[in-house]
Amino acid sequence: MAATWLLAAFNDAGVLEAADVHVALRLGRLGGESSEAVLLAAALAVRAVRLGSVCVDLLRLREVNVEDLDVESLPWPSLDEVVAGLRVSPLVVGSSAGPLRPLRLTDTDEGPLLYLDRYYRQEQTIRTALDSRANESPPYDLGLLVAGLAAAFTAAAPDRQRVAAAIAVSRWTSVVTGGPGTGKTHTIARIISLLQAQQPGLRVALATPTGKAAAQLQEEVGLQGLDLPAMTLHRLLGWLPGSSSRFRHNATNRLPYDVVIVDECSMVSLTMMARLVEAVRPDARLVLVGDADQLASIDAGAVLGDLVARPGSRSL
């Protein structure tokens, strides 16, 4: 299938790259879809992932930033044409026909969103896991926590650090965010000490997206008096090169740790976060730490930024 005139126009204008067009055409060929509007929407969904997003807001379809381009001069199909085509397309999950359904059209209060289905499912995996973990609180000794907080944080310590540590002890999932110099590593160390006081012998895992960050985290918590190894997320989950499951630890083979603390979470992609929450036991604490304003993931999904808005997050 040669590039359609519509895809070619958007490619020539610099909105789409050749790879976006290639994927859309291949999907159309494999799925039996020839609608120009649908193939353009598919290419824009691929483009969104390439630029770090996981979906296309169809109401804002024309909001593409290309230098020196008059976006309104492009031959945009109407929103009604795009949505109507997607609703019956063999490429879209929920349609009545088609062997391949790589796209997902979802209706929200803000309007229709178009996903590559893989990313929609990963997003739902994270949401379901975190919602389930938020339904209950872990058992803990309140008196011991209060005493531990008083001992761990001086009167001069920022109250935000104390509150973040208390949340990490009292909830299965917590999110600790803050910029450089706000005391994230200090707070991590205090959280570990408080949890170990609650339950001596806890198995604690420290992880980061990269080996360099893991080495730095291990050194910094060591300076706080804790002798704990830090590792990459791939090592934590047990990456299996060449395996269809990809990781040794997953929803059917959970991680053995009682506490999993992940630093530099702004660098964690949607895909890796989905793998992580699947692998953490429901009765294990998960503490996600990072700065939502820096070190973005090179893959799709600004997960930390989205999680900051959820209950259980605390900005330092």
Foldseek 3Di string as FASTA:
>chain_A
DDQDPQNVQCCVLVQFPPVLSVVLVVLCVQWVNDDPLQSVLSSVQVVCQQVFAFKDFLVCNLPGDDPPDDSVVHPHDDSVVNVVCQQQGLQDPPHPDTPHHQWYWDADPVGIIIGRVVLVVLVVLLVVLVVVQQVDWADFDPVLLVVLLPVLDDPPQDVLLSVLLVLLNTGQEAEEAEDPPNCQLSSVLSSVVSVCSRPPPFFEAEEEQDPVVQVVSCVSSVVVVDNDHYYYLCVQQQADPPDPVRGPFFLVRARPGQEYEYEQCQQPASVSSSRNSRRHDSNHHYYYYYHLVDNHHSGHDRPSVVCCPPPRYTYD
